[in-house]
Protein backbone atom coordinates (compact mmCIF):
# COMPACT_ATOMS: atom_id res chain seq x y z
CA MET A 1 267.89 -28.31 -7.90
CA MET A 2 265.58 -28.48 -4.90
CA GLN A 3 266.37 -25.98 -2.16
CA PHE A 4 266.03 -26.77 1.54
CA ALA A 5 266.00 -24.64 4.67
CA ASN A 6 269.33 -23.67 6.20
CA ARG A 7 268.24 -25.13 9.55
CA LEU A 8 268.80 -28.62 8.14
CA ALA A 9 272.54 -28.03 7.70
CA PRO A 10 273.61 -28.67 11.34
CA LEU A 11 271.42 -31.78 11.46
CA GLN A 12 273.18 -33.60 8.61
CA ALA A 13 276.14 -34.95 10.59
CA ASN A 14 274.78 -37.88 12.58
CA VAL A 15 277.23 -40.35 14.06
CA PHE A 16 274.43 -42.73 14.99
CA ALA A 17 273.20 -42.90 11.40
CA ASP A 18 276.77 -43.76 10.40
CA MET A 19 276.79 -46.50 13.04
CA ASP A 20 273.49 -47.83 11.73
CA ARG A 21 275.05 -48.19 8.30
CA ALA A 22 278.07 -49.93 9.83
CA LYS A 23 275.75 -52.40 11.58
CA ALA A 24 274.01 -53.07 8.28
CA ARG A 25 277.35 -53.80 6.62
CA ALA A 26 278.24 -56.21 9.44
CA ARG A 27 274.95 -58.08 9.04
CA ALA A 28 275.39 -58.21 5.26
CA ALA A 29 278.81 -59.77 5.83
CA GLY A 30 277.23 -62.49 7.97
CA LYS A 31 278.17 -61.14 11.41
CA ALA A 32 275.83 -61.83 14.32
CA VAL A 33 275.39 -58.32 15.68
CA ILE A 34 275.34 -57.69 19.44
CA ASP A 35 273.99 -54.17 19.62
CA LEU A 36 275.26 -52.25 22.64
CA SER A 37 274.85 -48.88 20.93
CA LEU A 38 271.18 -48.04 21.65
CA GLY A 39 269.59 -47.25 25.02
CA SER A 40 266.29 -48.97 24.24
CA SER A 41 265.27 -51.33 27.04
CA ASP A 42 264.87 -54.97 26.06
CA LEU A 43 262.68 -55.69 29.10
CA PRO A 44 258.89 -56.15 28.74
CA THR A 45 256.28 -53.58 29.69
CA PRO A 46 254.56 -54.55 33.00
CA PRO A 47 251.43 -56.71 32.49
CA HIS A 48 249.07 -54.36 34.34
CA VAL A 49 250.13 -51.54 32.01
CA LEU A 50 249.45 -53.64 28.92
CA GLN A 51 246.09 -54.71 30.36
CA ALA A 52 245.01 -51.08 30.77
CA ILE A 53 245.95 -50.35 27.15
CA ALA A 54 244.25 -53.53 25.90
CA GLN A 55 240.99 -52.68 27.70
CA SER A 56 241.03 -49.26 26.07
CA LEU A 57 241.23 -50.70 22.57
CA THR A 58 237.66 -52.02 22.64
CA ASP A 59 236.27 -48.73 24.01
CA PRO A 60 235.26 -46.56 21.02
CA THR A 61 235.26 -43.42 23.18
CA THR A 62 239.08 -43.66 23.20
CA HIS A 63 239.41 -43.69 19.41
CA GLY A 64 239.13 -39.99 18.60
CA TYR A 65 241.42 -37.00 18.82
CA LEU A 66 242.63 -36.32 22.35
CA LEU A 67 242.78 -32.67 23.38
CA PHE A 68 244.27 -31.21 26.55
CA ASN A 69 241.15 -31.50 28.71
CA GLY A 70 240.94 -35.19 27.89
CA THR A 71 244.34 -35.75 29.50
CA GLN A 72 243.21 -34.65 32.98
CA ALA A 73 243.41 -38.10 34.60
CA PHE A 74 246.95 -38.60 33.32
CA ARG A 75 248.05 -35.15 34.49
CA GLN A 76 246.59 -35.86 37.91
CA ALA A 77 248.48 -39.16 38.13
CA ALA A 78 251.73 -37.48 37.12
CA ALA A 79 251.27 -34.72 39.71
CA GLU A 80 250.53 -37.22 42.48
CA TRP A 81 253.57 -39.31 41.49
CA TYR A 82 255.78 -36.22 41.89
CA VAL A 83 254.28 -35.34 45.26
CA HIS A 84 254.84 -38.89 46.50
CA LYS A 85 258.36 -39.28 45.06
CA PHE A 86 259.86 -35.82 45.54
CA GLY A 87 257.60 -34.01 47.99
CA VAL A 88 256.98 -31.22 45.49
CA ALA A 89 253.45 -29.83 45.18
CA VAL A 90 252.23 -29.81 41.57
CA ASP A 91 249.09 -28.32 40.00
CA PRO A 92 247.92 -30.80 37.34
CA GLU A 93 245.94 -28.08 35.51
CA THR A 94 248.72 -25.54 35.00
CA GLU A 95 252.04 -27.26 35.76
CA VAL A 96 251.80 -30.59 33.87
CA LEU A 97 251.81 -31.26 30.13
CA PRO A 98 251.71 -34.71 28.43
CA LEU A 99 254.51 -35.35 25.95
CA ILE A 100 255.24 -37.88 23.25
CA GLY A 101 258.35 -38.91 25.17
CA SER A 102 260.71 -36.46 26.85
CA GLN A 103 262.61 -36.04 23.57
CA GLU A 104 259.61 -34.18 22.20
CA GLY A 105 259.88 -31.75 25.08
CA THR A 106 263.57 -31.07 24.67
CA ALA A 107 263.12 -30.65 20.90
CA HIS A 108 260.09 -28.32 21.06
CA LEU A 109 260.82 -26.14 24.08
CA PRO A 110 263.60 -24.16 22.33
CA LEU A 111 260.98 -23.02 19.79
CA ALA A 112 259.14 -21.35 22.68
CA VAL A 113 262.21 -19.89 24.41
CA LEU A 114 264.85 -18.97 21.83
CA ASN A 115 264.94 -16.29 19.17
CA PRO A 116 267.35 -16.83 16.26
CA GLY A 117 270.91 -16.27 17.46
CA ASP A 118 270.18 -16.82 21.14
CA PHE A 119 272.44 -19.25 23.01
CA ALA A 120 271.49 -22.42 24.83
CA LEU A 121 273.96 -23.85 27.35
CA LEU A 122 274.19 -27.61 26.82
CA LEU A 123 276.16 -30.41 28.43
CA ASP A 124 279.13 -31.74 26.45
CA PRO A 125 278.92 -34.69 26.10
CA GLY A 126 275.15 -34.78 26.11
CA TYR A 127 272.09 -36.34 24.53
CA PRO A 128 272.01 -35.41 20.81
CA SER A 129 268.35 -34.31 20.65
CA HIS A 130 269.09 -31.48 23.05
CA ALA A 131 271.22 -29.87 20.35
CA GLY A 132 268.75 -30.70 17.59
CA GLY A 133 265.95 -28.68 19.16
CA VAL A 134 268.21 -25.64 19.54
CA TYR A 135 269.27 -25.83 15.90
CA LEU A 136 265.65 -26.08 14.72
CA ALA A 137 264.87 -22.92 16.69
CA GLY A 138 267.75 -21.06 15.02
CA GLY A 139 269.69 -20.89 18.26
CA GLN A 140 273.38 -21.21 18.97
CA ILE A 141 274.92 -23.81 21.28
CA TYR A 142 277.51 -23.17 23.94
CA PRO A 143 278.81 -26.60 25.04
CA MET A 144 279.64 -26.83 28.75
CA PRO A 145 282.48 -29.41 28.97
CA LEU A 146 282.07 -32.27 31.43
CA ARG A 147 285.33 -33.55 32.92
CA GLU A 148 285.83 -36.73 34.88
CA GLU A 149 287.82 -34.87 37.55
CA ALA A 150 284.80 -32.61 38.16
CA GLY A 151 282.39 -35.53 38.47
CA PHE A 152 281.08 -34.84 34.95
CA LEU A 153 279.34 -31.70 36.24
CA PRO A 154 279.62 -28.38 34.35
CA VAL A 155 281.35 -25.36 35.85
CA PHE A 156 278.87 -22.51 35.43
CA GLU A 157 281.49 -19.83 36.12
CA ASP A 158 283.41 -20.91 33.02
CA VAL A 159 280.65 -19.70 30.66
CA PRO A 160 282.04 -16.51 29.00
CA ALA A 161 280.20 -13.30 29.87
CA PRO A 162 279.39 -12.39 26.22
CA VAL A 163 277.81 -15.83 25.70
CA LEU A 164 275.90 -15.58 28.96
CA ALA A 165 274.50 -12.19 27.98
CA GLN A 166 273.03 -13.79 24.85
CA SER A 167 271.86 -17.02 26.54
CA ARG A 168 268.23 -17.87 27.24
CA MET A 169 268.26 -21.46 28.47
CA MET A 170 270.37 -24.16 30.09
CA VAL A 171 269.73 -27.89 29.65
CA LEU A 172 270.85 -30.36 32.33
CA SER A 173 270.23 -34.11 32.63
CA TYR A 174 271.19 -36.18 35.68
CA PRO A 175 271.58 -39.13 36.06
CA HIS A 176 273.50 -38.36 32.92
CA ASN A 177 273.52 -40.00 29.52
CA PRO A 178 276.19 -40.93 28.46
CA THR A 179 278.52 -40.56 31.48
CA THR A 180 276.08 -42.05 34.08
CA ALA A 181 277.06 -39.29 36.55
CA ILE A 182 274.68 -38.26 39.33
CA ALA A 183 274.27 -34.65 40.49
CA PRO A 184 273.56 -33.84 44.15
CA LEU A 185 270.79 -31.51 45.26
CA SER A 186 273.41 -28.85 46.07
CA PHE A 187 274.40 -28.77 42.39
CA PHE A 188 270.81 -28.16 41.31
CA GLN A 189 270.51 -25.41 43.92
CA GLN A 190 273.55 -23.74 42.38
CA ALA A 191 272.04 -24.17 38.91
CA VAL A 192 268.74 -22.61 39.98
CA THR A 193 270.51 -19.62 41.53
CA PHE A 194 272.70 -19.20 38.44
CA CYS A 195 269.68 -19.28 36.11
CA GLN A 196 267.73 -16.85 38.31
CA GLN A 197 270.66 -14.43 38.30
CA HIS A 198 271.08 -14.58 34.52
CA ASN A 199 267.42 -14.87 33.48
CA LEU A 200 267.83 -18.37 32.02
CA VAL A 201 265.22 -21.08 31.65
CA LEU A 202 266.46 -24.21 33.44
CA VAL A 203 265.52 -27.41 31.64
CA HIS A 204 266.11 -30.77 33.29
CA ASP A 205 265.76 -33.95 31.23
CA PHE A 206 265.11 -36.69 33.81
CA PRO A 207 264.58 -40.10 32.14
CA TYR A 208 266.70 -42.11 34.60
CA ALA A 209 264.99 -41.05 37.83
CA ASP A 210 264.46 -44.68 38.87
CA LEU A 211 267.63 -46.28 37.50
CA VAL A 212 270.01 -45.65 40.39
CA PHE A 213 271.86 -48.53 42.02
CA ASP A 214 272.68 -47.06 45.42
CA SER A 215 270.17 -46.26 48.15
CA THR A 216 269.98 -42.52 47.52
CA PRO A 217 267.43 -41.50 44.87
CA PRO A 218 268.53 -38.72 42.52
CA PRO A 219 266.99 -35.29 43.13
CA SER A 220 264.45 -33.58 40.93
CA VAL A 221 265.39 -30.06 39.88
CA LEU A 222 262.04 -29.01 41.34
CA GLN A 223 263.31 -29.90 44.81
CA ALA A 224 265.85 -27.09 44.29
CA ASP A 225 263.19 -24.82 42.77
CA PRO A 226 259.93 -25.82 44.53
CA ASP A 227 258.26 -22.54 43.52
CA LYS A 228 259.15 -23.37 39.91
CA THR A 229 260.59 -19.91 39.30
CA VAL A 230 262.76 -20.87 36.29
CA SER A 231 262.56 -24.65 35.96
CA ILE A 232 260.86 -27.29 33.85
CA GLU A 233 261.53 -31.03 34.07
CA PHE A 234 260.86 -33.77 31.53
CA PHE A 235 260.11 -37.36 32.54
CA THR A 236 259.54 -40.30 30.24
CA MET A 237 257.89 -43.67 30.80
CA SER A 238 260.45 -45.30 28.48
CA LYS A 239 263.11 -46.25 31.04
CA SER A 240 261.31 -46.81 34.35
CA TYR A 241 258.39 -48.71 32.84
CA ASN A 242 259.90 -50.15 29.61
CA MET A 243 257.41 -48.21 27.48
CA GLY A 244 259.80 -46.75 24.90
CA GLY A 245 257.70 -47.77 21.92
CA PHE A 246 254.53 -46.27 23.37
CA ARG A 247 256.03 -42.74 23.30
CA VAL A 248 254.69 -41.22 26.49
CA GLY A 249 256.18 -38.76 28.95
CA TYR A 250 255.36 -35.42 30.51
CA ALA A 251 256.67 -32.01 31.49
CA ILE A 252 256.29 -30.54 34.99
CA GLY A 253 257.33 -27.05 35.94
CA ASN A 254 256.93 -23.29 35.65
CA VAL A 255 253.38 -22.27 34.67
CA GLU A 256 254.51 -19.92 31.89
CA LEU A 257 256.89 -22.51 30.38
CA ILE A 258 254.19 -25.19 30.43
CA ALA A 259 251.77 -22.80 28.71
CA ALA A 260 254.34 -21.84 26.07
CA LEU A 261 255.23 -25.46 25.34
CA ARG A 262 251.51 -26.24 25.11
CA GLN A 263 251.21 -23.52 22.44
CA ILE A 264 253.96 -25.18 20.39
CA LYS A 265 252.34 -28.61 20.76
CA ALA A 266 248.98 -27.22 19.63
CA VAL A 267 250.54 -26.39 16.27
CA VAL A 268 252.51 -29.63 15.87
CA ASP A 269 250.27 -32.39 17.24
CA PHE A 270 247.35 -33.42 19.38
CA ASN A 271 248.18 -35.98 22.05
CA GLN A 272 248.84 -39.68 21.72
CA TYR A 273 246.07 -42.28 21.87
CA LEU A 274 244.12 -42.16 25.14
CA GLY A 275 244.68 -45.89 25.66
CA ILE A 276 248.42 -45.24 25.94
CA LEU A 277 247.79 -42.60 28.60
CA ASN A 278 245.57 -45.09 30.42
CA GLY A 279 248.53 -47.47 30.42
CA ALA A 280 250.77 -44.70 31.72
CA ILE A 281 248.28 -43.99 34.53
CA ALA A 282 248.40 -47.68 35.47
CA ALA A 283 252.21 -47.52 35.49
CA LEU A 284 252.35 -44.44 37.73
CA THR A 285 249.61 -45.48 40.16
CA GLY A 286 249.95 -49.27 40.15
CA PRO A 287 252.49 -51.65 41.70
CA GLN A 288 256.12 -50.56 41.32
CA ASN A 289 257.66 -54.02 41.70
CA GLY A 290 258.47 -54.05 37.96
CA VAL A 291 260.61 -50.92 38.40
CA HIS A 292 262.55 -52.55 41.23
CA ALA A 293 262.93 -55.84 39.31
CA ALA A 294 264.30 -54.01 36.26
CA LEU A 295 266.80 -52.18 38.45
CA GLU A 296 268.12 -55.48 39.80
CA ILE A 297 268.41 -56.90 36.28
CA PHE A 298 270.49 -53.92 35.17
CA ARG A 299 272.57 -54.15 38.33
CA ASP A 300 273.41 -57.78 37.54
CA ARG A 301 274.23 -56.90 33.94
CA ARG A 302 276.42 -54.01 35.05
CA ASP A 303 278.37 -56.23 37.44
CA ALA A 304 278.83 -59.00 34.88
CA PHE A 305 279.93 -56.59 32.13
CA VAL A 306 282.32 -54.60 34.30
CA GLN A 307 283.93 -57.80 35.63
CA ALA A 308 284.30 -59.20 32.11
CA MET A 309 285.95 -55.97 30.96
CA HIS A 310 288.38 -56.05 33.88
CA ASP A 311 289.17 -59.68 33.05
CA ILE A 312 290.38 -58.69 29.57
CA GLY A 313 292.43 -55.80 30.99
CA TRP A 314 290.10 -52.94 30.07
CA SER A 315 289.48 -51.03 33.29
CA VAL A 316 286.06 -49.38 33.26
CA PRO A 317 284.12 -47.70 36.09
CA SER A 318 281.12 -49.36 37.68
CA PRO A 319 278.26 -46.90 37.09
CA THR A 320 276.00 -45.91 39.97
CA ALA A 321 273.07 -45.03 37.70
CA ALA A 322 271.46 -45.49 34.28
CA MET A 323 271.85 -48.46 31.94
CA TYR A 324 275.23 -47.68 30.40
CA VAL A 325 278.96 -48.00 30.92
CA TRP A 326 281.00 -44.94 29.86
CA ALA A 327 284.50 -46.18 29.15
CA LYS A 328 287.77 -44.56 28.19
CA LEU A 329 289.18 -46.08 25.03
CA PRO A 330 292.51 -47.93 25.08
CA PRO A 331 295.44 -45.54 24.42
CA SER A 332 295.91 -46.62 20.81
CA TRP A 333 292.33 -45.52 20.05
CA SER A 334 292.13 -42.56 22.45
CA ASP A 335 291.12 -39.91 19.90
CA ARG A 336 289.36 -42.15 17.37
CA SER A 337 286.07 -43.23 18.92
CA ILE A 338 284.23 -43.28 15.57
CA ASP A 339 286.96 -45.34 13.89
CA PHE A 340 287.00 -47.75 16.83
CA SER A 341 283.24 -48.18 16.81
CA THR A 342 282.84 -48.67 13.06
CA GLN A 343 285.79 -51.05 12.77
CA LEU A 344 284.69 -53.00 15.85
CA VAL A 345 281.20 -53.70 14.53
CA GLU A 346 282.41 -54.60 11.05
CA ALA A 347 285.08 -56.95 12.43
CA THR A 348 283.16 -58.54 15.32
CA GLY A 349 279.47 -57.60 15.11
CA VAL A 350 279.66 -55.75 18.46
CA ALA A 351 278.08 -52.30 18.09
CA VAL A 352 278.87 -49.52 20.58
CA ALA A 353 278.18 -45.77 20.62
CA PRO A 354 281.25 -43.60 19.91
CA GLY A 355 281.79 -40.86 22.46
CA ALA A 356 282.25 -38.25 19.72
CA GLY A 357 278.58 -38.72 18.84
CA PHE A 358 277.64 -37.06 22.14
CA GLY A 359 279.84 -33.98 21.67
CA LYS A 360 283.44 -32.85 21.38
CA SER A 361 284.19 -33.68 25.03
CA GLY A 362 282.98 -37.24 24.47
CA GLU A 363 285.93 -38.04 22.22
CA GLY A 364 288.17 -40.68 23.74
CA TYR A 365 285.22 -42.62 25.18
CA VAL A 366 282.64 -45.15 24.07
CA ARG A 367 279.26 -45.92 25.60
CA PHE A 368 278.07 -49.48 26.14
CA ALA A 369 274.30 -49.95 26.57
CA LEU A 370 273.50 -52.94 28.79
CA MET A 371 270.53 -54.10 26.70
CA HIS A 372 271.23 -57.83 26.68
CA GLU A 373 271.39 -60.68 29.16
CA SER A 374 274.65 -61.03 31.07
CA SER A 375 275.84 -64.01 29.02
CA ILE A 376 275.49 -62.04 25.78
CA LEU A 377 277.30 -59.06 27.31
CA GLN A 378 280.15 -61.38 28.33
CA ALA A 379 280.27 -62.82 24.81
CA ALA A 380 280.51 -59.28 23.42
CA VAL A 381 283.46 -58.57 25.69
CA GLN A 382 285.25 -61.68 24.43
CA ARG A 383 284.78 -60.54 20.84
CA MET A 384 286.23 -57.14 21.78
CA ALA A 385 289.19 -58.86 23.41
CA GLU A 386 289.94 -60.65 20.13
CA PHE A 387 289.58 -57.38 18.21
CA LEU A 388 292.01 -55.62 20.55
CA GLY A 389 294.47 -58.48 20.29
């Protein structure tokens, strides 16, 4: 019998793979699936971004391997974007690293930071790939519970001293997936101080920087750590610029962390096609009206969905950020988010993400991704109303 590495064991349980199979069964049974389970934007990539990529295709100098020095123009654009947006000075040569989406960063950085047995402090609930990278590095996870009464922010003082003594990194992500919570700058200042005191690397996954519905933009962790003493931040082009399929993002932060992550990348991959980076440069430096238009579309969808849910008697909060609604399950399903989600899609074709898939503290919730037009979202709510009786 073929033998596999022990590191695969914690990766075998995957709620989202189970949901994918449930969706397949629903389609096989003739259900028209409305998929609200995946956070992949259905909006088009801006035309000027596509034009930059298209022009690159006919340029044979873009067709070869792309090494670090060939990414200079992209790194410069990313650094200037940060200066303009957050007022944080960034050195594009030593403090920026292109990524194949921010998920690559969160998956690979633990390989540079953790030794086997070291702890990483992760949000619970949180994005599943954060845990996956820790497991691949042979690390242990200490889940920091997020409670509604605390604004879905972790309480650093609750981390046990023996765990803290063995911890090497903390991963945060605000605006938060799945809860949609926003963290104020004061929270990040506390996090930076905590990580400085305990010699922790502070990782901030920041994909929803532009998807905030009120007038106050969310802070970058680098605003709380402008000297980049302990911090690294990951940004992706997937959400702000609808470029999920192009797989492009970047890391900005501490010089030593950027260098270490670059060492890991050198073993695993080169960079993506230069034409994609040219598109990303166009996104970062070109007109931002597409970002604002997408925000208004998601605002309209949020309002329509939340109103429809209230109309059927399911009270859900109106999120102030991101492209999701994080909803408490009705009492009869309160501790069965996976059962609810699988039975719902098989009975109605409406697919949602069970809260348990994001961690133990996510049980009792489901996440709705607003990846359809308002009329389709309203139709999904009506199907759920019939399912709930």
